Amino acid sequence: MDVKAIRLRDLVQDVVTQVAPEELPLIAGLAGFDDATAVRRLRGRDRRREPLGFGLGEVAALVTPVVWLALDQAMQRILGTWVDRVIAGTGTALRRLLRRPVSEPVTIPPLTPEQLALVRESVLTMAARRGLEPERATVIADAVVTRLVLAEAETDRTPELPGPDAPDTADAPDTADAPDAPDRPERPDRPDAPNEP
């Protein structure tokens, strides 16, 4: 079975739709940017005028930046640990190459329970830093983890196609509902028995 990953921005949209649907225009406004640019804008590092009319002060207390930035931070930690393990001792050139930002959408693979706990903690920390109340932060963190678990469950339920060694049953009729067999042509060597069973 293929292991499917969920795109980070899709996860953010799903969570925002659930816990803060009034922020969907902000998600729509960020759709035209790659993930790295969206993160910069949500962090407030991009000082150009925001196309959505959201200034940094307005963005600070919203759910969207909390979820997006927390997930981005958690994935950097999770993937960074993996990269460190894979290329330990191989030199800084390869390390820089693997960590170089790319315009490909960030995806989140299925996570271990420990990694899910790290994501939850990251959301709670970011929410506190952004001034959200603890109760609201808990709702958001739970929604993020639930969506990640559901994404993995959806992957587990994906039906597997039969392999090349599987028996081909497509042409075998079901005996209970099989249609009447077509008449067989007469055999020339036995004119007295036109149809044999």
Protein backbone atom coordinates (compact mmCIF):
# COMPACT_ATOMS: atom_id res chain seq x y z
CA MET A 1 0.00 0.00 0.00
CA ASP A 2 1.27 3.47 -0.86
CA VAL A 3 1.83 5.76 2.12
CA LYS A 4 -0.03 8.94 1.37
CA ALA A 5 0.88 12.33 2.77
CA ILE A 6 -1.46 15.25 3.31
CA ARG A 7 -0.43 18.67 2.06
CA LEU A 8 0.21 21.08 4.92
CA ARG A 9 -1.95 23.80 3.38
CA ASP A 10 -4.84 21.35 2.94
CA LEU A 11 -4.60 20.40 6.59
CA VAL A 12 -4.62 24.07 7.59
CA GLN A 13 -7.71 24.68 5.46
CA ASP A 14 -9.50 21.66 6.94
CA VAL A 15 -8.80 22.79 10.51
CA VAL A 16 -9.71 26.42 9.82
CA THR A 17 -12.94 25.30 8.14
CA GLN A 18 -13.78 23.38 11.30
CA VAL A 19 -12.77 25.82 14.05
CA ALA A 20 -12.67 29.27 12.40
CA PRO A 21 -14.60 29.31 9.08
CA GLU A 22 -14.68 33.12 9.15
CA GLU A 23 -10.94 32.99 8.27
CA LEU A 24 -11.43 31.15 4.97
CA PRO A 25 -10.91 34.41 3.00
CA LEU A 26 -7.41 34.56 4.51
CA ILE A 27 -6.75 30.98 3.36
CA ALA A 28 -8.05 31.89 -0.10
CA GLY A 29 -5.76 34.91 -0.21
CA LEU A 30 -2.74 32.76 0.62
CA ALA A 31 -3.59 30.20 -2.06
CA GLY A 32 -1.64 32.13 -4.69
CA PHE A 33 1.62 31.87 -2.74
CA ASP A 34 3.94 28.93 -2.28
CA ASP A 35 4.25 27.54 1.23
CA ALA A 36 7.49 29.38 2.05
CA THR A 37 5.99 32.74 1.04
CA ALA A 38 2.80 32.04 2.99
CA VAL A 39 4.86 31.27 6.10
CA ARG A 40 6.88 34.48 5.68
CA ARG A 41 3.70 36.53 5.35
CA LEU A 42 2.10 34.90 8.36
CA ARG A 43 5.23 35.48 10.42
CA GLY A 44 5.24 39.12 9.37
CA ARG A 45 8.66 38.98 7.74
CA ASP A 46 7.31 40.14 4.41
CA ARG A 47 6.85 43.88 5.01
CA ARG A 48 5.10 44.60 1.72
CA ARG A 49 1.44 45.51 1.86
CA GLU A 50 -0.75 42.47 2.47
CA PRO A 51 -3.07 41.79 -0.49
CA LEU A 52 -5.87 40.69 1.85
CA GLY A 53 -5.90 43.80 3.99
CA PHE A 54 -4.69 41.83 7.01
CA GLY A 55 -1.93 43.66 8.81
CA LEU A 56 0.39 41.88 11.23
CA GLY A 57 -1.63 43.08 14.21
CA GLU A 58 -4.81 41.64 12.73
CA VAL A 59 -3.16 38.33 11.83
CA ALA A 60 -1.62 37.84 15.28
CA ALA A 61 -4.80 36.61 17.02
CA LEU A 62 -6.14 34.46 14.16
CA VAL A 63 -6.24 30.67 14.00
CA THR A 64 -4.74 30.39 10.50
CA PRO A 65 -1.24 31.61 11.39
CA VAL A 66 -1.24 29.57 14.59
CA VAL A 67 -1.99 26.33 12.75
CA TRP A 68 0.19 27.01 9.69
CA LEU A 69 3.22 28.25 11.62
CA ALA A 70 2.97 25.52 14.27
CA LEU A 71 2.76 22.80 11.63
CA ASP A 72 5.62 24.33 9.66
CA GLN A 73 7.75 24.47 12.80
CA ALA A 74 6.86 20.92 13.85
CA MET A 75 7.60 19.52 10.38
CA GLN A 76 10.97 21.26 10.34
CA ARG A 77 11.79 19.62 13.65
CA ILE A 78 10.52 16.18 12.58
CA LEU A 79 12.11 16.24 9.13
CA GLY A 80 15.23 17.95 10.46
CA THR A 81 15.77 15.10 12.89
CA TRP A 82 15.34 12.62 10.05
CA VAL A 83 17.77 14.53 7.81
CA ASP A 84 20.31 14.71 10.63
CA ARG A 85 20.13 10.94 11.11
CA VAL A 86 20.34 10.13 7.40
CA ILE A 87 23.26 12.37 6.54
CA ALA A 88 25.20 12.37 9.79
CA GLY A 89 28.86 12.66 8.92
CA THR A 90 28.35 13.25 5.18
CA GLY A 91 29.42 16.89 5.12
CA THR A 92 27.75 20.28 5.06
CA ALA A 93 27.23 20.50 1.28
CA LEU A 94 24.72 17.63 1.27
CA ARG A 95 23.11 18.94 4.45
CA ARG A 96 22.58 22.36 2.82
CA LEU A 97 21.18 20.72 -0.32
CA LEU A 98 18.58 18.71 1.61
CA ARG A 99 17.53 21.67 3.73
CA ARG A 100 17.32 24.15 0.86
CA PRO A 101 13.81 25.62 0.60
CA VAL A 102 11.88 24.49 -2.45
CA SER A 103 8.65 25.67 -4.03
CA GLU A 104 7.06 22.22 -3.80
CA PRO A 105 4.10 22.10 -1.40
CA VAL A 106 5.01 20.89 2.08
CA THR A 107 3.46 17.50 2.81
CA ILE A 108 2.98 15.72 6.10
CA PRO A 109 3.52 11.95 6.07
CA PRO A 110 1.78 9.66 8.56
CA LEU A 111 3.21 10.46 11.99
CA THR A 112 4.11 8.36 15.00
CA PRO A 113 2.33 8.99 18.32
CA GLU A 114 5.44 10.82 19.55
CA GLN A 115 5.42 13.06 16.47
CA LEU A 116 1.69 13.74 16.88
CA ALA A 117 2.41 14.80 20.48
CA LEU A 118 5.14 17.14 19.17
CA VAL A 119 2.67 18.66 16.67
CA ARG A 120 0.07 19.16 19.43
CA GLU A 121 2.65 20.81 21.71
CA SER A 122 3.79 23.04 18.85
CA VAL A 123 0.22 24.23 18.23
CA LEU A 124 -0.34 24.93 21.95
CA THR A 125 2.94 26.85 22.18
CA MET A 126 2.23 28.90 19.06
CA ALA A 127 -1.31 29.65 20.21
CA ALA A 128 -0.04 30.91 23.58
CA ARG A 129 2.60 33.02 21.85
CA ARG A 130 -0.09 34.52 19.60
CA GLY A 131 -2.35 35.37 22.52
CA LEU A 132 -5.10 32.78 22.18
CA GLU A 133 -6.84 31.58 25.31
CA PRO A 134 -5.81 28.13 26.58
CA GLU A 135 -9.27 26.65 25.98
CA ARG A 136 -9.27 27.87 22.38
CA ALA A 137 -5.70 26.64 21.90
CA THR A 138 -6.68 23.16 23.12
CA VAL A 139 -9.61 23.01 20.68
CA ILE A 140 -7.31 23.98 17.80
CA ALA A 141 -4.56 21.54 18.80
CA ASP A 142 -7.06 18.70 19.14
CA ALA A 143 -8.54 19.52 15.72
CA VAL A 144 -5.07 19.41 14.12
CA VAL A 145 -4.17 16.06 15.67
CA THR A 146 -7.58 14.60 14.85
CA ARG A 147 -7.23 15.62 11.20
CA LEU A 148 -3.77 14.07 11.01
CA VAL A 149 -5.04 10.80 12.51
CA LEU A 150 -8.03 10.79 10.13
CA ALA A 151 -5.72 11.33 7.16
CA GLU A 152 -3.74 8.26 8.18
CA ALA A 153 -6.94 6.25 8.74
CA GLU A 154 -8.13 7.21 5.24
CA THR A 155 -4.84 5.91 3.86
CA ASP A 156 -5.27 2.64 5.78
CA ARG A 157 -8.76 2.15 4.30
CA THR A 158 -7.60 2.60 0.70
CA PRO A 159 -8.51 -0.67 -1.04
CA GLU A 160 -5.61 -2.60 -2.45
CA LEU A 161 -5.84 -3.67 -6.06
CA PRO A 162 -5.24 -7.34 -6.77
CA GLY A 163 -1.68 -8.15 -7.70
CA PRO A 164 -0.54 -9.83 -10.91
CA ASP A 165 -0.72 -13.28 -9.24
CA ALA A 166 -4.34 -12.87 -8.14
CA PRO A 167 -6.82 -15.18 -9.89
CA ASP A 168 -8.83 -13.52 -12.62
CA THR A 169 -12.48 -13.89 -11.61
CA ALA A 170 -13.89 -11.17 -13.84
CA ASP A 171 -14.90 -13.62 -16.60
CA ALA A 172 -16.19 -16.39 -14.31
CA PRO A 173 -19.98 -16.16 -13.99
CA ASP A 174 -21.56 -16.32 -10.57
CA THR A 175 -23.27 -19.70 -10.45
CA ALA A 176 -26.34 -18.42 -8.59
CA ASP A 177 -27.05 -15.64 -11.09
CA ALA A 178 -25.39 -17.07 -14.21
CA PRO A 179 -27.33 -16.44 -17.41
CA ASP A 180 -28.42 -19.35 -19.56
CA ALA A 181 -25.55 -20.72 -21.60
CA PRO A 182 -25.76 -19.83 -25.29
CA ASP A 183 -26.72 -22.60 -27.69
CA ARG A 184 -23.73 -24.44 -29.05
CA PRO A 185 -23.46 -24.99 -32.79
CA GLU A 186 -24.26 -28.41 -34.17
CA ARG A 187 -21.34 -30.78 -34.46
CA PRO A 188 -21.01 -32.09 -38.03
CA ASP A 189 -19.69 -35.51 -36.92
CA ARG A 190 -22.88 -36.28 -34.91
CA PRO A 191 -25.95 -34.89 -36.64
CA ASP A 192 -28.24 -36.75 -34.24
CA ALA A 193 -26.88 -34.73 -31.23
CA PRO A 194 -26.97 -31.01 -32.14
CA ASN A 195 -26.17 -29.69 -28.64
CA GLU A 196 -23.97 -31.35 -26.13
CA PRO A 197 -24.01 -30.28 -22.47
